[in-house]
Amino acid sequence: MDEAVRARSRSGVVGVAFAAGAYLVWGLFPVYFRLLRGVPAPEILAHRIVWSAAFLVLLVTVLRRWGEALRQLRVPGTIPSLAASAVFISANWLTYIWAVNSGHVLEASLGYFVNPLVTVLLGVIFLHESLTRRQVLAVALAAGGVLWLVVRGGHVPWVALGLALSFALYGLVRKRLRVDSTSGLLAETCLLAPLALLYLVTIRSESHLGTAPLLATSGVVTAVPLLWFAAGVQRLRLSTVGLLQYLNPTMQFAIAIFLFHEPFGGDHAVAFACIWASLAIYTWEALRLQRRA
């Protein structure tokens, strides 16, 4: 019994290391993409898709997992669904790259704070999941924070809403598929790669040669944290993953304020306070329900 407990403990530690590593890398993405500020966002996206596809093809070959990947992808309806998820994730990537290089990291962090609650709403709408009263309160508080920015700031936070919705829709599509993260991302990037290559061939890139190594590493930077995340999820409770996921937007928030010196006024403070309160209520309720179960 003691050995089994120690094995679970070791697995949990490894899982936290993998998941936290993934979220830490994602949290540093603003710094990475800011180094590519002189490159147009669509061009960065195209490179990210092409190099991710190349890296994943190499990885699956080295690991000798083509048989398993093709078996999963041959299931009827899988490829059309992955084509849809590829559209959502590419829209998310493009929006995020543009946000970072246009000085909207703070709004991007807001989007990833709101994302879990948008995912909850999509679960209610499309999967007919039910919410407790506290969860309804959490969603209402987050909506109130966004509405506050709209009324007081005079504009809709399109970047935040676009990032939250595109990633939530991506998660919704992938939730219905029995495809592991490596095979799924391989298929998604390979489906997008021909268009990305065509774009890169037809444009006259004005990028400096100094950015070429960074663009070439975009595949590794994209795929590795996703693989770490998948390894972490396999070893952890979802409630633990839910708590760790806030590392990413928290780091982006700190980078926006303290490194990039983006403006943070009273209206932002009220909106973020509402959203942070909603996340605290939602997380506490999720932990309570898990303990009861």
Protein backbone atom coordinates (compact mmCIF):
# COMPACT_ATOMS: atom_id res chain seq x y z
CA MET A 1 0.00 0.00 0.00
CA ASP A 2 2.82 2.40 0.93
CA GLU A 3 4.52 1.73 -2.39
CA ALA A 4 1.31 2.49 -4.27
CA VAL A 5 0.90 5.77 -2.37
CA ARG A 6 4.50 6.74 -3.13
CA ALA A 7 3.99 5.90 -6.81
CA ARG A 8 0.88 8.12 -6.97
CA SER A 9 2.79 10.87 -5.20
CA ARG A 10 5.68 10.67 -7.67
CA SER A 11 3.23 10.68 -10.56
CA GLY A 12 1.54 13.76 -9.13
CA VAL A 13 4.83 15.62 -8.77
CA VAL A 14 5.79 14.76 -12.35
CA GLY A 15 2.33 15.81 -13.54
CA VAL A 16 2.58 19.18 -11.81
CA ALA A 17 6.04 19.70 -13.32
CA PHE A 18 4.78 18.96 -16.84
CA ALA A 19 1.59 21.05 -16.57
CA ALA A 20 3.29 23.96 -14.80
CA GLY A 21 6.08 23.91 -17.39
CA ALA A 22 3.53 24.15 -20.19
CA TYR A 23 1.72 27.07 -18.58
CA LEU A 24 4.99 28.85 -17.80
CA VAL A 25 6.10 28.60 -21.44
CA TRP A 26 2.71 29.89 -22.61
CA GLY A 27 2.97 32.69 -20.06
CA LEU A 28 6.27 33.80 -21.64
CA PHE A 29 4.81 33.87 -25.16
CA PRO A 30 4.42 37.69 -25.10
CA VAL A 31 8.20 38.04 -24.76
CA TYR A 32 8.83 35.53 -27.56
CA PHE A 33 6.41 37.09 -30.03
CA ARG A 34 7.48 40.63 -29.15
CA LEU A 35 10.94 39.68 -30.49
CA LEU A 36 9.18 39.14 -33.84
CA ARG A 37 7.46 42.51 -33.76
CA GLY A 38 8.78 43.53 -37.17
CA VAL A 39 7.20 40.50 -38.87
CA PRO A 40 3.51 40.74 -39.92
CA ALA A 41 1.19 38.58 -37.80
CA PRO A 42 -0.08 36.44 -40.74
CA GLU A 43 3.52 35.65 -41.71
CA ILE A 44 4.38 34.60 -38.14
CA LEU A 45 1.25 32.42 -38.11
CA ALA A 46 2.22 30.77 -41.40
CA HIS A 47 5.70 29.98 -40.10
CA ARG A 48 4.25 28.67 -36.85
CA ILE A 49 1.96 26.28 -38.74
CA VAL A 50 4.61 25.03 -41.18
CA TRP A 51 7.33 24.50 -38.59
CA SER A 52 4.90 22.89 -36.13
CA ALA A 53 3.80 20.42 -38.82
CA ALA A 54 7.43 19.62 -39.67
CA PHE A 55 8.37 19.11 -36.02
CA LEU A 56 5.38 16.86 -35.34
CA VAL A 57 6.00 14.74 -38.45
CA LEU A 58 9.59 14.24 -37.25
CA LEU A 59 8.46 13.51 -33.69
CA VAL A 60 5.86 10.92 -34.71
CA THR A 61 8.42 9.29 -37.00
CA VAL A 62 11.09 9.09 -34.28
CA LEU A 63 8.58 7.72 -31.76
CA ARG A 64 7.22 5.26 -34.37
CA ARG A 65 3.65 6.31 -33.68
CA TRP A 66 2.36 6.59 -37.25
CA GLY A 67 0.28 3.44 -36.90
CA GLU A 68 -1.46 4.70 -33.79
CA ALA A 69 -1.95 8.20 -35.23
CA LEU A 70 -3.43 6.94 -38.49
CA ARG A 71 -5.72 4.54 -36.61
CA GLN A 72 -7.16 7.44 -34.65
CA LEU A 73 -7.47 9.70 -37.68
CA ARG A 74 -9.28 7.05 -39.78
CA VAL A 75 -12.32 7.12 -37.48
CA PRO A 76 -15.24 8.51 -39.53
CA GLY A 77 -15.83 12.22 -38.95
CA THR A 78 -12.46 12.80 -37.29
CA ILE A 79 -10.73 14.68 -40.12
CA PRO A 80 -13.67 17.10 -40.76
CA SER A 81 -13.83 17.82 -37.03
CA LEU A 82 -10.08 18.42 -36.89
CA ALA A 83 -10.40 20.75 -39.87
CA ALA A 84 -12.89 22.79 -37.83
CA SER A 85 -10.64 22.77 -34.75
CA ALA A 86 -7.71 23.81 -36.98
CA VAL A 87 -9.67 26.90 -38.05
CA PHE A 88 -10.41 27.80 -34.42
CA ILE A 89 -6.83 27.32 -33.18
CA SER A 90 -5.34 29.23 -36.12
CA ALA A 91 -7.76 32.11 -35.45
CA ASN A 92 -6.68 32.03 -31.81
CA TRP A 93 -2.99 32.06 -32.73
CA LEU A 94 -3.41 34.90 -35.23
CA THR A 95 -5.39 37.03 -32.78
CA TYR A 96 -2.84 36.45 -30.03
CA ILE A 97 0.17 37.24 -32.21
CA TRP A 98 -1.48 40.45 -33.42
CA ALA A 99 -2.42 41.40 -29.85
CA VAL A 100 1.13 40.98 -28.54
CA ASN A 101 2.75 42.90 -31.38
CA SER A 102 0.12 45.67 -31.26
CA GLY A 103 0.45 46.38 -27.54
CA HIS A 104 -2.65 44.52 -26.31
CA VAL A 105 -1.06 41.93 -24.00
CA LEU A 106 -3.22 43.11 -21.09
CA GLU A 107 -6.38 42.45 -23.08
CA ALA A 108 -4.98 39.10 -24.18
CA SER A 109 -4.47 38.11 -20.55
CA LEU A 110 -8.06 39.13 -19.87
CA GLY A 111 -9.16 36.75 -22.62
CA TYR A 112 -7.39 33.79 -21.04
CA PHE A 113 -8.78 34.65 -17.60
CA VAL A 114 -12.29 34.66 -19.11
CA ASN A 115 -11.71 31.52 -21.20
CA PRO A 116 -12.63 28.91 -18.51
CA LEU A 117 -15.97 30.61 -17.96
CA VAL A 118 -16.69 30.80 -21.70
CA THR A 119 -15.92 27.08 -21.83
CA VAL A 120 -18.49 26.54 -19.07
CA LEU A 121 -21.10 28.46 -21.08
CA LEU A 122 -20.41 26.42 -24.22
CA GLY A 123 -20.79 23.26 -22.14
CA VAL A 124 -24.23 24.44 -21.04
CA ILE A 125 -25.29 25.40 -24.56
CA PHE A 126 -23.89 22.50 -26.60
CA LEU A 127 -23.39 19.67 -24.09
CA HIS A 128 -26.45 20.46 -21.92
CA GLU A 129 -24.35 20.57 -18.77
CA SER A 130 -25.95 22.07 -15.68
CA LEU A 131 -24.60 24.83 -13.43
CA THR A 132 -24.90 25.31 -9.70
CA ARG A 133 -25.97 28.67 -8.32
CA ARG A 134 -22.39 29.58 -7.46
CA GLN A 135 -21.27 28.76 -10.99
CA VAL A 136 -24.04 30.96 -12.39
CA LEU A 137 -22.85 33.73 -10.09
CA ALA A 138 -19.28 33.26 -11.32
CA VAL A 139 -20.32 33.55 -14.97
CA ALA A 140 -22.47 36.60 -14.19
CA LEU A 141 -19.58 38.32 -12.39
CA ALA A 142 -17.25 37.75 -15.36
CA ALA A 143 -19.90 39.08 -17.75
CA GLY A 144 -20.26 42.10 -15.48
CA GLY A 145 -16.52 42.77 -15.66
CA VAL A 146 -16.53 42.66 -19.45
CA LEU A 147 -19.66 44.84 -19.59
CA TRP A 148 -17.96 47.36 -17.30
CA LEU A 149 -15.13 47.73 -19.82
CA VAL A 150 -17.63 48.16 -22.64
CA VAL A 151 -19.62 50.86 -20.84
CA ARG A 152 -16.77 52.71 -19.14
CA GLY A 153 -14.06 52.15 -21.73
CA GLY A 154 -16.33 52.87 -24.66
CA HIS A 155 -15.22 49.85 -26.68
CA VAL A 156 -15.81 46.11 -26.82
CA PRO A 157 -12.69 44.11 -25.78
CA TRP A 158 -12.65 42.20 -29.05
CA VAL A 159 -9.18 40.74 -28.51
CA ALA A 160 -10.12 39.23 -25.14
CA LEU A 161 -13.47 37.91 -26.37
CA GLY A 162 -11.97 36.59 -29.59
CA LEU A 163 -9.23 34.69 -27.76
CA ALA A 164 -11.61 33.29 -25.15
CA LEU A 165 -14.25 32.20 -27.67
CA SER A 166 -11.87 30.73 -30.27
CA PHE A 167 -10.00 28.65 -27.68
CA ALA A 168 -13.23 27.55 -25.99
CA LEU A 169 -14.65 26.44 -29.36
CA TYR A 170 -11.40 24.62 -30.08
CA GLY A 171 -11.70 22.80 -26.77
CA LEU A 172 -15.35 21.96 -27.45
CA VAL A 173 -14.52 20.32 -30.79
CA ARG A 174 -11.52 18.43 -29.41
CA LYS A 175 -13.52 17.24 -26.39
CA ARG A 176 -15.77 15.22 -28.69
CA LEU A 177 -12.87 13.48 -30.44
CA ARG A 178 -10.95 10.43 -29.27
CA VAL A 179 -7.64 11.71 -30.58
CA ASP A 180 -4.54 12.28 -28.47
CA SER A 181 -2.90 15.70 -28.44
CA THR A 182 0.04 14.73 -30.66
CA SER A 183 -2.04 13.08 -33.39
CA GLY A 184 -4.64 15.83 -33.25
CA LEU A 185 -2.15 18.69 -33.52
CA LEU A 186 -0.29 16.79 -36.26
CA ALA A 187 -3.48 16.55 -38.32
CA GLU A 188 -4.47 20.17 -37.64
CA THR A 189 -1.13 21.62 -38.67
CA CYS A 190 -0.84 19.34 -41.70
CA LEU A 191 -4.30 20.43 -42.85
CA LEU A 192 -3.27 24.08 -42.54
CA ALA A 193 0.30 23.69 -43.83
CA PRO A 194 -0.48 23.81 -47.60
CA LEU A 195 -2.25 27.16 -47.22
CA ALA A 196 0.52 28.46 -44.98
CA LEU A 197 3.20 27.37 -47.44
CA LEU A 198 1.30 28.94 -50.35
CA TYR A 199 1.09 32.18 -48.41
CA LEU A 200 4.82 32.19 -47.61
CA VAL A 201 5.72 31.43 -51.23
CA THR A 202 3.50 34.15 -52.71
CA ILE A 203 4.34 37.02 -50.33
CA ARG A 204 7.44 39.09 -50.57
CA SER A 205 8.68 38.81 -47.04
CA GLU A 206 10.21 41.94 -45.61
CA SER A 207 11.38 40.08 -42.50
CA HIS A 208 14.99 40.56 -41.46
CA LEU A 209 17.32 37.60 -41.54
CA GLY A 210 17.77 38.05 -37.80
CA THR A 211 14.25 36.75 -37.16
CA ALA A 212 14.74 33.55 -39.22
CA PRO A 213 16.01 31.42 -36.28
CA LEU A 214 13.11 32.56 -34.08
CA LEU A 215 10.58 31.76 -36.81
CA ALA A 216 12.17 28.35 -37.33
CA THR A 217 11.86 27.52 -33.62
CA SER A 218 8.15 28.41 -33.58
CA GLY A 219 7.27 24.77 -34.27
CA VAL A 220 9.13 23.52 -31.19
CA VAL A 221 7.79 26.41 -29.09
CA THR A 222 4.26 25.51 -30.16
CA ALA A 223 4.36 21.73 -29.90
CA VAL A 224 6.51 21.06 -26.82
CA PRO A 225 4.29 22.82 -24.22
CA LEU A 226 1.24 21.09 -25.70
CA LEU A 227 2.95 17.73 -25.24
CA TRP A 228 3.95 18.68 -21.69
CA PHE A 229 0.38 19.73 -21.00
CA ALA A 230 -0.97 16.39 -22.27
CA ALA A 231 1.53 14.50 -20.10
CA GLY A 232 0.51 16.56 -17.08
CA VAL A 233 -3.22 16.09 -17.59
CA GLN A 234 -2.77 12.31 -17.69
CA ARG A 235 -1.27 12.38 -14.18
CA LEU A 236 -3.35 15.06 -12.42
CA ARG A 237 -6.86 15.73 -11.26
CA LEU A 238 -8.73 18.20 -13.42
CA SER A 239 -9.13 20.49 -10.41
CA THR A 240 -5.33 20.71 -10.11
CA VAL A 241 -5.03 21.48 -13.82
CA GLY A 242 -7.76 24.09 -13.39
CA LEU A 243 -5.74 25.88 -10.72
CA LEU A 244 -2.48 25.69 -12.67
CA GLN A 245 -4.07 27.16 -15.82
CA TYR A 246 -4.16 30.61 -14.21
CA LEU A 247 -0.35 30.73 -14.31
CA ASN A 248 -0.50 31.63 -18.01
CA PRO A 249 -2.76 34.73 -17.90
CA THR A 250 -1.23 35.85 -14.59
CA MET A 251 2.23 35.91 -16.17
CA GLN A 252 0.87 37.71 -19.23
CA PHE A 253 -0.81 40.26 -16.97
CA ALA A 254 2.45 40.89 -15.11
CA ILE A 255 4.45 41.15 -18.35
CA ALA A 256 1.94 43.64 -19.80
CA ILE A 257 2.07 45.89 -16.73
CA PHE A 258 5.67 45.66 -15.54
CA LEU A 259 7.66 44.83 -18.70
CA PHE A 260 5.67 46.37 -21.55
CA HIS A 261 4.20 49.19 -19.41
CA GLU A 262 0.73 48.97 -20.92
CA PRO A 263 -1.79 51.38 -19.30
CA PHE A 264 -3.82 49.95 -16.44
CA GLY A 265 -6.50 52.32 -15.16
CA GLY A 266 -9.36 52.19 -12.71
CA ASP A 267 -11.75 50.68 -15.25
CA HIS A 268 -9.31 47.83 -15.87
CA ALA A 269 -8.98 47.32 -12.11
CA VAL A 270 -12.75 46.98 -11.67
CA ALA A 271 -13.08 44.60 -14.63
CA PHE A 272 -10.20 42.38 -13.55
CA ALA A 273 -11.45 42.38 -9.94
CA CYS A 274 -14.85 41.09 -11.14
CA ILE A 275 -13.23 38.39 -13.25
CA TRP A 276 -10.77 37.32 -10.56
CA ALA A 277 -13.65 37.11 -8.05
CA SER A 278 -15.66 35.02 -10.52
CA LEU A 279 -12.71 32.66 -11.03
CA ALA A 280 -12.25 32.29 -7.27
CA ILE A 281 -15.94 31.38 -6.86
CA TYR A 282 -15.87 29.01 -9.83
CA THR A 283 -12.67 27.26 -8.68
CA TRP A 284 -13.89 26.91 -5.09
CA GLU A 285 -17.17 25.43 -6.32
CA ALA A 286 -15.35 23.00 -8.62
CA LEU A 287 -13.20 21.80 -5.71
CA ARG A 288 -16.28 21.47 -3.49
CA LEU A 289 -18.12 19.38 -6.08
CA GLN A 290 -15.09 17.15 -6.60
CA ARG A 291 -14.76 16.50 -2.86
CA ARG A 292 -18.47 15.63 -2.70
CA ALA A 293 -18.10 13.25 -5.64
